[in-house]
């Protein structure tokens, strides 16, 4: 009887230790530790999550290189984490979920703009700038219907893309830097002219200027920086309608598409981490991932899309 009781106690202790090990030891598959040099689908997942939050990771290629490390460090800095460029449990948790579900991703924590001495209206602003003049710039762009995101005083990727779209419409150098010429154009801006005047929501894509316009009832509602098909793989022109869309990632042979809205066969308007100021795609209309999120509700099935040069 004594031996039986001892065995029972030993079994109970073993069970408790087993349960504790399951609870305490994190699942490596759920929260893989990633660092520069890593490769594989987990890196693709990480790159897509960061790109969806408007961090510049470069190409989504499954390779944890310097650009991905810089994006991770920027995310960590924005979320009060150690800026070591290593994606461990805390960084995964800040991203929203170790499973990487797009709907669970949290944006970078907002913060008040840094205080800075007043600068003249001709101050040069570029990505990385902060302060009241950036708020002024963001408000001006938003008033002109450019897709700039929140006016938070931080000159991030969304502000850069909005500046580039403005520069395209106004015939300026497409560098995303707000210098004297861009400030002057903001004081007397040119407005894009719609090719159509119709009721409801519709999309126009100007291939010559490389801008996408969401219009409603004959008025411009949103102007977005886009990169359409290069000369060897041109974007088709004409009038189409959105036929179908995917609310998530589409892993295509030519790249990973975020929330593609297809308007003709495999041609789509979709989010992408890299949206240069010139035509560079394989035929689709790329827009920044954050812009795709902001206009997703407007791109419903049946929405007219006109593409012209």
C-alpha atoms as a PDB file:
ATOM      1  CA  UNK A   1       0.000   0.000   0.000  1.00  0.00           C
ATOM      2  CA  UNK A   2       2.840   2.400   0.854  1.00  0.00           C
ATOM      3  CA  UNK A   3       4.544   1.770  -2.467  1.00  0.00           C
ATOM      4  CA  UNK A   4       1.242   2.338  -4.262  1.00  0.00           C
ATOM      5  CA  UNK A   5       0.717   5.705  -2.536  1.00  0.00           C
ATOM      6  CA  UNK A   6       4.271   6.794  -3.312  1.00  0.00           C
ATOM      7  CA  UNK A   7       3.781   5.896  -6.968  1.00  0.00           C
ATOM      8  CA  UNK A   8       0.505   7.862  -7.030  1.00  0.00           C
ATOM      9  CA  UNK A   9       2.188  10.913  -5.489  1.00  0.00           C
ATOM     10  CA  UNK A  10       5.040  10.664  -7.981  1.00  0.00           C
ATOM     11  CA  UNK A  11       2.601  10.433 -10.868  1.00  0.00           C
ATOM     12  CA  UNK A  12       0.715  13.502  -9.624  1.00  0.00           C
ATOM     13  CA  UNK A  13       3.941  15.497  -9.308  1.00  0.00           C
ATOM     14  CA  UNK A  14       4.993  14.439 -12.801  1.00  0.00           C
ATOM     15  CA  UNK A  15       1.640  15.548 -14.214  1.00  0.00           C
ATOM     16  CA  UNK A  16       1.913  18.963 -12.539  1.00  0.00           C
ATOM     17  CA  UNK A  17       5.447  19.446 -13.886  1.00  0.00           C
ATOM     18  CA  UNK A  18       4.297  18.472 -17.365  1.00  0.00           C
ATOM     19  CA  UNK A  19       1.447  20.977 -17.241  1.00  0.00           C
ATOM     20  CA  UNK A  20       3.776  23.708 -16.011  1.00  0.00           C
ATOM     21  CA  UNK A  21       6.210  23.020 -18.829  1.00  0.00           C
ATOM     22  CA  UNK A  22       3.415  23.356 -21.385  1.00  0.00           C
ATOM     23  CA  UNK A  23       2.185  26.597 -19.833  1.00  0.00           C
ATOM     24  CA  UNK A  24       5.559  28.220 -19.229  1.00  0.00           C
ATOM     25  CA  UNK A  25       7.598  27.208 -22.273  1.00  0.00           C
ATOM     26  CA  UNK A  26       6.432  29.245 -25.313  1.00  0.00           C
ATOM     27  CA  UNK A  27       5.597  27.510 -28.551  1.00  0.00           C
ATOM     28  CA  UNK A  28       8.447  28.049 -31.014  1.00  0.00           C
ATOM     29  CA  UNK A  29       6.122  27.422 -33.946  1.00  0.00           C
ATOM     30  CA  UNK A  30       3.697  30.085 -32.670  1.00  0.00           C
ATOM     31  CA  UNK A  31       6.361  32.677 -31.937  1.00  0.00           C
ATOM     32  CA  UNK A  32       9.479  31.898 -33.962  1.00  0.00           C
ATOM     33  CA  UNK A  33      12.475  34.073 -33.151  1.00  0.00           C
ATOM     34  CA  UNK A  34      13.568  35.787 -36.359  1.00  0.00           C
ATOM     35  CA  UNK A  35      16.700  37.829 -36.983  1.00  0.00           C
ATOM     36  CA  UNK A  36      18.780  39.025 -39.925  1.00  0.00           C
ATOM     37  CA  UNK A  37      19.744  36.067 -42.092  1.00  0.00           C
ATOM     38  CA  UNK A  38      16.516  34.128 -41.513  1.00  0.00           C
ATOM     39  CA  UNK A  39      14.511  32.897 -44.491  1.00  0.00           C
ATOM     40  CA  UNK A  40      11.176  31.239 -45.123  1.00  0.00           C
ATOM     41  CA  UNK A  41       7.399  31.717 -44.823  1.00  0.00           C
ATOM     42  CA  UNK A  42       7.650  33.189 -41.322  1.00  0.00           C
ATOM     43  CA  UNK A  43       9.780  36.002 -42.740  1.00  0.00           C
ATOM     44  CA  UNK A  44       7.208  36.564 -45.507  1.00  0.00           C
ATOM     45  CA  UNK A  45       4.543  36.769 -42.798  1.00  0.00           C
ATOM     46  CA  UNK A  46       6.618  39.289 -40.845  1.00  0.00           C
ATOM     47  CA  UNK A  47       7.369  41.398 -43.926  1.00  0.00           C
ATOM     48  CA  UNK A  48       3.703  41.502 -44.920  1.00  0.00           C
ATOM     49  CA  UNK A  49       2.621  42.516 -41.423  1.00  0.00           C
ATOM     50  CA  UNK A  50       5.177  45.328 -41.281  1.00  0.00           C
ATOM     51  CA  UNK A  51       4.356  46.489 -44.816  1.00  0.00           C
ATOM     52  CA  UNK A  52       0.675  46.487 -43.914  1.00  0.00           C
ATOM     53  CA  UNK A  53       1.557  48.872 -41.088  1.00  0.00           C
ATOM     54  CA  UNK A  54       3.349  51.135 -43.582  1.00  0.00           C
ATOM     55  CA  UNK A  55       6.919  50.168 -42.654  1.00  0.00           C
ATOM     56  CA  UNK A  56       9.358  49.974 -45.558  1.00  0.00           C
ATOM     57  CA  UNK A  57      10.609  46.385 -45.646  1.00  0.00           C
ATOM     58  CA  UNK A  58      11.640  46.422 -49.294  1.00  0.00           C
ATOM     59  CA  UNK A  59      10.562  43.411 -51.370  1.00  0.00           C
ATOM     60  CA  UNK A  60       8.481  40.734 -49.652  1.00  0.00           C
ATOM     61  CA  UNK A  61      10.818  37.887 -50.552  1.00  0.00           C
ATOM     62  CA  UNK A  62      11.107  35.809 -47.393  1.00  0.00           C
ATOM     63  CA  UNK A  63      14.668  37.005 -46.724  1.00  0.00           C
ATOM     64  CA  UNK A  64      15.396  38.816 -43.471  1.00  0.00           C
ATOM     65  CA  UNK A  65      17.870  41.366 -44.779  1.00  0.00           C
ATOM     66  CA  UNK A  66      18.966  44.849 -43.661  1.00  0.00           C
ATOM     67  CA  UNK A  67      15.761  46.575 -44.826  1.00  0.00           C
ATOM     68  CA  UNK A  68      13.580  44.142 -42.882  1.00  0.00           C
ATOM     69  CA  UNK A  69      15.817  44.614 -39.817  1.00  0.00           C
ATOM     70  CA  UNK A  70      15.495  48.405 -40.100  1.00  0.00           C
ATOM     71  CA  UNK A  71      11.715  48.096 -40.382  1.00  0.00           C
ATOM     72  CA  UNK A  72      11.626  45.832 -37.315  1.00  0.00           C
ATOM     73  CA  UNK A  73      13.737  48.319 -35.344  1.00  0.00           C
ATOM     74  CA  UNK A  74      11.474  51.202 -36.393  1.00  0.00           C
ATOM     75  CA  UNK A  75       8.424  49.214 -35.283  1.00  0.00           C
ATOM     76  CA  UNK A  76      10.086  48.319 -31.995  1.00  0.00           C
ATOM     77  CA  UNK A  77      10.989  51.943 -31.350  1.00  0.00           C
ATOM     78  CA  UNK A  78       7.416  53.073 -32.064  1.00  0.00           C
ATOM     79  CA  UNK A  79       6.036  50.481 -29.656  1.00  0.00           C
ATOM     80  CA  UNK A  80       8.405  50.952 -26.715  1.00  0.00           C
ATOM     81  CA  UNK A  81      10.392  47.765 -27.302  1.00  0.00           C
ATOM     82  CA  UNK A  82      14.143  47.141 -27.312  1.00  0.00           C
ATOM     83  CA  UNK A  83      15.390  48.207 -30.751  1.00  0.00           C
ATOM     84  CA  UNK A  84      17.506  45.130 -31.463  1.00  0.00           C
ATOM     85  CA  UNK A  85      15.989  44.101 -34.806  1.00  0.00           C
ATOM     86  CA  UNK A  86      15.185  40.633 -33.441  1.00  0.00           C
ATOM     87  CA  UNK A  87      11.599  39.413 -33.629  1.00  0.00           C
ATOM     88  CA  UNK A  88      10.930  37.506 -30.434  1.00  0.00           C
ATOM     89  CA  UNK A  89       7.726  36.937 -28.416  1.00  0.00           C
ATOM     90  CA  UNK A  90       7.397  40.569 -27.305  1.00  0.00           C
ATOM     91  CA  UNK A  91       7.694  41.904 -30.850  1.00  0.00           C
ATOM     92  CA  UNK A  92       5.271  39.297 -32.174  1.00  0.00           C
ATOM     93  CA  UNK A  93       2.864  40.229 -29.384  1.00  0.00           C
ATOM     94  CA  UNK A  94       3.133  43.912 -30.324  1.00  0.00           C
ATOM     95  CA  UNK A  95       2.445  43.031 -33.940  1.00  0.00           C
ATOM     96  CA  UNK A  96      -0.866  41.708 -32.711  1.00  0.00           C
ATOM     97  CA  UNK A  97      -0.664  37.926 -32.961  1.00  0.00           C
ATOM     98  CA  UNK A  98       1.978  35.265 -33.389  1.00  0.00           C
ATOM     99  CA  UNK A  99      -0.232  33.722 -36.060  1.00  0.00           C
ATOM    100  CA  UNK A 100       0.084  36.871 -38.143  1.00  0.00           C
ATOM    101  CA  UNK A 101      -3.614  37.282 -38.941  1.00  0.00           C
ATOM    102  CA  UNK A 102      -3.971  40.623 -40.767  1.00  0.00           C
ATOM    103  CA  UNK A 103      -7.059  41.608 -38.823  1.00  0.00           C
ATOM    104  CA  UNK A 104      -5.229  41.336 -35.502  1.00  0.00           C
ATOM    105  CA  UNK A 105      -2.275  43.554 -36.370  1.00  0.00           C
ATOM    106  CA  UNK A 106      -1.985  46.689 -34.264  1.00  0.00           C
ATOM    107  CA  UNK A 107      -0.670  49.952 -35.731  1.00  0.00           C
ATOM    108  CA  UNK A 108       2.289  51.721 -34.178  1.00  0.00           C
ATOM    109  CA  UNK A 109       1.412  53.504 -30.967  1.00  0.00           C
ATOM    110  CA  UNK A 110       0.709  57.145 -31.669  1.00  0.00           C
ATOM    111  CA  UNK A 111       2.597  59.807 -29.811  1.00  0.00           C
ATOM    112  CA  UNK A 112       2.524  63.564 -29.617  1.00  0.00           C
ATOM    113  CA  UNK A 113       4.782  65.298 -32.136  1.00  0.00           C
ATOM    114  CA  UNK A 114       8.130  66.397 -30.832  1.00  0.00           C
ATOM    115  CA  UNK A 115       8.312  70.040 -29.978  1.00  0.00           C
ATOM    116  CA  UNK A 116      10.549  72.000 -32.273  1.00  0.00           C
ATOM    117  CA  UNK A 117      11.389  75.598 -33.015  1.00  0.00           C
ATOM    118  CA  UNK A 118       9.103  77.229 -35.609  1.00  0.00           C
ATOM    119  CA  UNK A 119      10.431  76.983 -39.128  1.00  0.00           C
ATOM    120  CA  UNK A 120       9.711  79.108 -42.166  1.00  0.00           C
ATOM    121  CA  UNK A 121       7.161  78.038 -44.801  1.00  0.00           C
ATOM    122  CA  UNK A 122      10.083  77.127 -47.076  1.00  0.00           C
ATOM    123  CA  UNK A 123      11.545  74.593 -44.651  1.00  0.00           C
ATOM    124  CA  UNK A 124      12.635  71.366 -46.298  1.00  0.00           C
ATOM    125  CA  UNK A 125      10.673  68.397 -44.948  1.00  0.00           C
ATOM    126  CA  UNK A 126      11.264  64.740 -45.747  1.00  0.00           C
ATOM    127  CA  UNK A 127      10.562  61.323 -44.287  1.00  0.00           C
ATOM    128  CA  UNK A 128      11.606  61.190 -40.648  1.00  0.00           C
ATOM    129  CA  UNK A 129      10.698  64.821 -39.894  1.00  0.00           C
ATOM    130  CA  UNK A 130       8.386  65.597 -36.983  1.00  0.00           C
ATOM    131  CA  UNK A 131       6.637  68.608 -35.555  1.00  0.00           C
ATOM    132  CA  UNK A 132       4.026  71.267 -36.173  1.00  0.00           C
ATOM    133  CA  UNK A 133       5.109  71.916 -39.770  1.00  0.00           C
ATOM    134  CA  UNK A 134       4.526  68.270 -40.611  1.00  0.00           C
ATOM    135  CA  UNK A 135       1.012  68.584 -39.159  1.00  0.00           C
ATOM    136  CA  UNK A 136       0.514  71.678 -41.346  1.00  0.00           C
ATOM    137  CA  UNK A 137       1.688  69.738 -44.399  1.00  0.00           C
ATOM    138  CA  UNK A 138      -0.511  66.753 -43.616  1.00  0.00           C
ATOM    139  CA  UNK A 139      -3.573  68.935 -43.112  1.00  0.00           C
ATOM    140  CA  UNK A 140      -2.953  70.730 -46.412  1.00  0.00           C
ATOM    141  CA  UNK A 141      -2.604  67.459 -48.290  1.00  0.00           C
ATOM    142  CA  UNK A 142      -5.716  66.018 -46.629  1.00  0.00           C
ATOM    143  CA  UNK A 143      -7.703  69.135 -47.524  1.00  0.00           C
ATOM    144  CA  UNK A 144      -6.668  68.618 -51.142  1.00  0.00           C
ATOM    145  CA  UNK A 145      -7.917  65.001 -50.885  1.00  0.00           C
ATOM    146  CA  UNK A 146      -4.516  63.296 -50.949  1.00  0.00           C
ATOM    147  CA  UNK A 147      -4.345  60.020 -49.040  1.00  0.00           C
ATOM    148  CA  UNK A 148      -1.986  61.117 -46.272  1.00  0.00           C
ATOM    149  CA  UNK A 149      -3.314  59.123 -43.319  1.00  0.00           C
ATOM    150  CA  UNK A 150      -3.609  60.673 -39.855  1.00  0.00           C
ATOM    151  CA  UNK A 151      -2.248  64.175 -39.257  1.00  0.00           C
ATOM    152  CA  UNK A 152       0.010  63.061 -36.416  1.00  0.00           C
ATOM    153  CA  UNK A 153       3.050  65.264 -37.018  1.00  0.00           C
ATOM    154  CA  UNK A 154       5.208  62.337 -38.125  1.00  0.00           C
ATOM    155  CA  UNK A 155       6.494  62.339 -41.715  1.00  0.00           C
ATOM    156  CA  UNK A 156       6.237  58.622 -42.390  1.00  0.00           C
ATOM    157  CA  UNK A 157       5.688  56.527 -45.524  1.00  0.00           C
ATOM    158  CA  UNK A 158       2.025  57.566 -45.927  1.00  0.00           C
ATOM    159  CA  UNK A 159       2.986  61.236 -45.951  1.00  0.00           C
ATOM    160  CA  UNK A 160       5.806  60.508 -48.410  1.00  0.00           C
ATOM    161  CA  UNK A 161       3.406  58.772 -50.816  1.00  0.00           C
ATOM    162  CA  UNK A 162       0.896  61.622 -50.497  1.00  0.00           C
ATOM    163  CA  UNK A 163       3.632  64.161 -51.295  1.00  0.00           C
ATOM    164  CA  UNK A 164       4.718  62.124 -54.329  1.00  0.00           C
ATOM    165  CA  UNK A 165       1.118  61.959 -55.578  1.00  0.00           C
ATOM    166  CA  UNK A 166       0.832  65.739 -55.146  1.00  0.00           C
ATOM    167  CA  UNK A 167       4.093  66.252 -57.008  1.00  0.00           C
ATOM    168  CA  UNK A 168       2.865  64.053 -59.850  1.00  0.00           C
ATOM    169  CA  UNK A 169      -0.353  66.026 -60.253  1.00  0.00           C
ATOM    170  CA  UNK A 170       1.516  69.340 -60.105  1.00  0.00           C
ATOM    171  CA  UNK A 171       4.326  68.403 -62.501  1.00  0.00           C
ATOM    172  CA  UNK A 172       7.115  68.510 -59.915  1.00  0.00           C
ATOM    173  CA  UNK A 173      10.087  66.230 -59.290  1.00  0.00           C
ATOM    174  CA  UNK A 174       8.698  63.048 -57.729  1.00  0.00           C
ATOM    175  CA  UNK A 175      11.059  62.727 -54.784  1.00  0.00           C
ATOM    176  CA  UNK A 176       8.719  62.933 -51.787  1.00  0.00           C
ATOM    177  CA  UNK A 177      10.727  65.864 -50.378  1.00  0.00           C
ATOM    178  CA  UNK A 178       8.882  69.075 -49.549  1.00  0.00           C
ATOM    179  CA  UNK A 179      11.172  71.897 -50.619  1.00  0.00           C
ATOM    180  CA  UNK A 180      10.485  75.439 -51.803  1.00  0.00           C
ATOM    181  CA  UNK A 181       8.860  74.356 -55.097  1.00  0.00           C
ATOM    182  CA  UNK A 182       6.511  71.916 -53.420  1.00  0.00           C
ATOM    183  CA  UNK A 183       5.598  74.480 -50.740  1.00  0.00           C
ATOM    184  CA  UNK A 184       4.869  77.011 -53.492  1.00  0.00           C
ATOM    185  CA  UNK A 185       2.684  74.507 -55.338  1.00  0.00           C
ATOM    186  CA  UNK A 186       0.804  73.751 -52.118  1.00  0.00           C
ATOM    187  CA  UNK A 187      -0.027  77.450 -51.881  1.00  0.00           C
ATOM    188  CA  UNK A 188      -1.469  77.405 -55.421  1.00  0.00           C
ATOM    189  CA  UNK A 189      -2.243  73.762 -56.139  1.00  0.00           C
ATOM    190  CA  UNK A 190      -3.492  72.240 -59.365  1.00  0.00           C
ATOM    191  CA  UNK A 191      -6.461  69.920 -59.044  1.00  0.00           C
ATOM    192  CA  UNK A 192      -6.728  66.727 -61.078  1.00  0.00           C
ATOM    193  CA  UNK A 193      -9.492  66.738 -63.676  1.00  0.00           C
ATOM    194  CA  UNK A 194     -11.834  63.779 -63.706  1.00  0.00           C
ATOM    195  CA  UNK A 195     -12.563  62.118 -67.032  1.00  0.00           C
ATOM    196  CA  UNK A 196     -16.025  61.110 -65.897  1.00  0.00           C
ATOM    197  CA  UNK A 197     -18.843  62.769 -63.996  1.00  0.00           C
ATOM    198  CA  UNK A 198     -21.175  60.130 -62.668  1.00  0.00           C
ATOM    199  CA  UNK A 199     -23.132  59.232 -59.558  1.00  0.00           C
ATOM    200  CA  UNK A 200     -21.809  56.910 -56.912  1.00  0.00           C
ATOM    201  CA  UNK A 201     -18.238  55.845 -56.236  1.00  0.00           C
ATOM    202  CA  UNK A 202     -15.823  55.111 -59.073  1.00  0.00           C
ATOM    203  CA  UNK A 203     -12.093  54.904 -59.733  1.00  0.00           C
ATOM    204  CA  UNK A 204      -9.919  56.607 -62.320  1.00  0.00           C
ATOM    205  CA  UNK A 205      -6.290  55.670 -62.960  1.00  0.00           C
ATOM    206  CA  UNK A 206      -4.145  58.194 -64.832  1.00  0.00           C
ATOM    207  CA  UNK A 207      -1.290  56.211 -66.366  1.00  0.00           C
ATOM    208  CA  UNK A 208       0.555  59.324 -67.546  1.00  0.00           C
ATOM    209  CA  UNK A 209       0.676  60.873 -64.082  1.00  0.00           C
ATOM    210  CA  UNK A 210       0.708  57.569 -62.176  1.00  0.00           C
ATOM    211  CA  UNK A 211      -2.063  58.508 -59.774  1.00  0.00           C
ATOM    212  CA  UNK A 212      -5.223  56.705 -58.738  1.00  0.00           C
ATOM    213  CA  UNK A 213      -8.307  58.753 -57.939  1.00  0.00           C
ATOM    214  CA  UNK A 214     -11.363  57.586 -56.035  1.00  0.00           C
ATOM    215  CA  UNK A 215     -14.290  59.844 -56.950  1.00  0.00           C
ATOM    216  CA  UNK A 216     -17.823  60.133 -55.687  1.00  0.00           C
ATOM    217  CA  UNK A 217     -20.705  61.873 -57.452  1.00  0.00           C
ATOM    218  CA  UNK A 218     -18.343  63.667 -59.828  1.00  0.00           C
ATOM    219  CA  UNK A 219     -15.987  64.966 -57.115  1.00  0.00           C
ATOM    220  CA  UNK A 220     -12.494  63.828 -56.120  1.00  0.00           C
ATOM    221  CA  UNK A 221     -12.598  61.958 -52.821  1.00  0.00           C
ATOM    222  CA  UNK A 222      -9.102  60.436 -52.582  1.00  0.00           C
ATOM    223  CA  UNK A 223      -5.844  60.761 -54.563  1.00  0.00           C
ATOM    224  CA  UNK A 224      -3.377  57.899 -54.176  1.00  0.00           C
ATOM    225  CA  UNK A 225       0.162  57.316 -55.367  1.00  0.00           C
ATOM    226  CA  UNK A 226       0.243  54.328 -57.716  1.00  0.00           C
ATOM    227  CA  UNK A 227       2.706  52.399 -59.827  1.00  0.00           C
ATOM    228  CA  UNK A 228       1.162  50.691 -62.848  1.00  0.00           C
ATOM    229  CA  UNK A 229       2.534  48.358 -65.509  1.00  0.00           C
ATOM    230  CA  UNK A 230       5.928  49.041 -67.026  1.00  0.00           C
ATOM    231  CA  UNK A 231       6.303  49.260 -70.822  1.00  0.00           C
ATOM    232  CA  UNK A 232       6.908  45.525 -71.226  1.00  0.00           C
ATOM    233  CA  UNK A 233       3.838  44.616 -69.128  1.00  0.00           C
ATOM    234  CA  UNK A 234       1.407  47.531 -69.579  1.00  0.00           C
ATOM    235  CA  UNK A 235      -1.776  48.088 -67.633  1.00  0.00           C
ATOM    236  CA  UNK A 236      -4.828  47.761 -69.908  1.00  0.00           C
ATOM    237  CA  UNK A 237      -6.765  50.932 -70.705  1.00  0.00           C
ATOM    238  CA  UNK A 238     -10.520  51.208 -70.895  1.00  0.00           C
ATOM    239  CA  UNK A 239     -13.562  51.075 -68.649  1.00  0.00           C
ATOM    240  CA  UNK A 240     -13.945  48.123 -66.311  1.00  0.00           C
ATOM    241  CA  UNK A 241     -15.647  47.132 -63.065  1.00  0.00           C
ATOM    242  CA  UNK A 242     -14.262  45.441 -60.004  1.00  0.00           C
ATOM    243  CA  UNK A 243     -15.148  41.787 -60.551  1.00  0.00           C
ATOM    244  CA  UNK A 244     -13.899  40.186 -57.367  1.00  0.00           C
ATOM    245  CA  UNK A 245     -11.619  40.925 -54.453  1.00  0.00           C
ATOM    246  CA  UNK A 246      -9.718  39.147 -51.699  1.00  0.00           C
ATOM    247  CA  UNK A 247      -9.732  40.552 -48.177  1.00  0.00           C
ATOM    248  CA  UNK A 248      -6.226  39.408 -47.309  1.00  0.00           C
ATOM    249  CA  UNK A 249      -3.016  38.267 -48.965  1.00  0.00           C
ATOM    250  CA  UNK A 250      -2.849  36.715 -52.426  1.00  0.00           C
ATOM    251  CA  UNK A 251       0.359  34.787 -52.932  1.00  0.00           C
ATOM    252  CA  UNK A 252       0.854  35.138 -56.692  1.00  0.00           C
ATOM    253  CA  UNK A 253       3.802  33.957 -58.824  1.00  0.00           C
ATOM    254  CA  UNK A 254       4.941  37.568 -59.337  1.00  0.00           C
ATOM    255  CA  UNK A 255       4.611  38.676 -55.732  1.00  0.00           C
ATOM    256  CA  UNK A 256       2.427  38.899 -52.647  1.00  0.00           C
ATOM    257  CA  UNK A 257      -0.625  41.121 -53.172  1.00  0.00           C
ATOM    258  CA  UNK A 258      -2.457  42.766 -50.301  1.00  0.00           C
ATOM    259  CA  UNK A 259      -6.249  42.983 -50.637  1.00  0.00           C
ATOM    260  CA  UNK A 260      -6.366  42.740 -54.453  1.00  0.00           C
ATOM    261  CA  UNK A 261      -9.474  44.118 -56.180  1.00  0.00           C
ATOM    262  CA  UNK A 262      -9.542  42.556 -59.666  1.00  0.00           C
ATOM    263  CA  UNK A 263     -11.001  44.581 -62.531  1.00  0.00           C
ATOM    264  CA  UNK A 264     -10.012  42.415 -65.513  1.00  0.00           C
ATOM    265  CA  UNK A 265      -8.881  38.815 -65.190  1.00  0.00           C
ATOM    266  CA  UNK A 266      -5.647  38.849 -63.192  1.00  0.00           C
ATOM    267  CA  UNK A 267      -5.277  42.642 -63.301  1.00  0.00           C
ATOM    268  CA  UNK A 268      -5.994  44.261 -59.955  1.00  0.00           C
ATOM    269  CA  UNK A 269      -5.647  47.294 -57.771  1.00  0.00           C
ATOM    270  CA  UNK A 270      -3.716  45.981 -54.787  1.00  0.00           C
ATOM    271  CA  UNK A 271      -1.517  46.924 -51.868  1.00  0.00           C
ATOM    272  CA  UNK A 272       2.205  46.332 -52.166  1.00  0.00           C
ATOM    273  CA  UNK A 273       5.219  47.213 -50.011  1.00  0.00           C
ATOM    274  CA  UNK A 274       7.124  48.870 -52.870  1.00  0.00           C
ATOM    275  CA  UNK A 275       5.344  51.630 -54.816  1.00  0.00           C
ATOM    276  CA  UNK A 276       7.928  53.650 -56.748  1.00  0.00           C
ATOM    277  CA  UNK A 277       7.122  56.987 -58.361  1.00  0.00           C
ATOM    278  CA  UNK A 278       7.172  55.470 -61.871  1.00  0.00           C
ATOM    279  CA  UNK A 279       5.469  52.594 -63.699  1.00  0.00           C
ATOM    280  CA  UNK A 280       7.145  49.409 -62.472  1.00  0.00           C
ATOM    281  CA  UNK A 281       4.536  46.687 -62.003  1.00  0.00           C
ATOM    282  CA  UNK A 282       3.672  43.638 -64.071  1.00  0.00           C
ATOM    283  CA  UNK A 283       0.371  45.201 -65.132  1.00  0.00           C
ATOM    284  CA  UNK A 284      -1.550  45.765 -61.908  1.00  0.00           C
ATOM    285  CA  UNK A 285      -2.004  49.102 -60.147  1.00  0.00           C
ATOM    286  CA  UNK A 286       0.107  49.022 -56.990  1.00  0.00           C
ATOM    287  CA  UNK A 287      -0.785  51.268 -54.084  1.00  0.00           C
ATOM    288  CA  UNK A 288       0.757  51.418 -50.585  1.00  0.00           C
ATOM    289  CA  UNK A 289      -0.673  48.803 -48.229  1.00  0.00           C
ATOM    290  CA  UNK A 290      -1.888  51.480 -45.820  1.00  0.00           C
ATOM    291  CA  UNK A 291      -3.683  53.286 -48.661  1.00  0.00           C
ATOM    292  CA  UNK A 292      -5.359  50.033 -49.692  1.00  0.00           C
ATOM    293  CA  UNK A 293      -6.643  49.649 -46.153  1.00  0.00           C
ATOM    294  CA  UNK A 294      -8.022  53.176 -46.095  1.00  0.00           C
ATOM    295  CA  UNK A 295      -9.890  52.851 -49.412  1.00  0.00           C
ATOM    296  CA  UNK A 296     -10.866  49.186 -49.106  1.00  0.00           C
ATOM    297  CA  UNK A 297     -14.493  49.982 -48.217  1.00  0.00           C
ATOM    298  CA  UNK A 298     -14.792  52.078 -51.398  1.00  0.00           C
ATOM    299  CA  UNK A 299     -13.585  49.339 -53.753  1.00  0.00           C
ATOM    300  CA  UNK A 300     -16.650  47.141 -53.743  1.00  0.00           C
ATOM    301  CA  UNK A 301     -17.530  44.579 -56.378  1.00  0.00           C
ATOM    302  CA  UNK A 302     -19.175  46.432 -59.248  1.00  0.00           C
ATOM    303  CA  UNK A 303     -17.291  49.706 -58.705  1.00  0.00           C
ATOM    304  CA  UNK A 304     -16.434  51.248 -62.115  1.00  0.00           C
ATOM    305  CA  UNK A 305     -12.737  51.624 -62.976  1.00  0.00           C
ATOM    306  CA  UNK A 306     -11.569  53.805 -65.864  1.00  0.00           C
ATOM    307  CA  UNK A 307      -7.919  53.660 -66.936  1.00  0.00           C
ATOM    308  CA  UNK A 308      -6.460  56.132 -69.405  1.00  0.00           C
ATOM    309  CA  UNK A 309      -3.251  57.762 -70.576  1.00  0.00           C
END
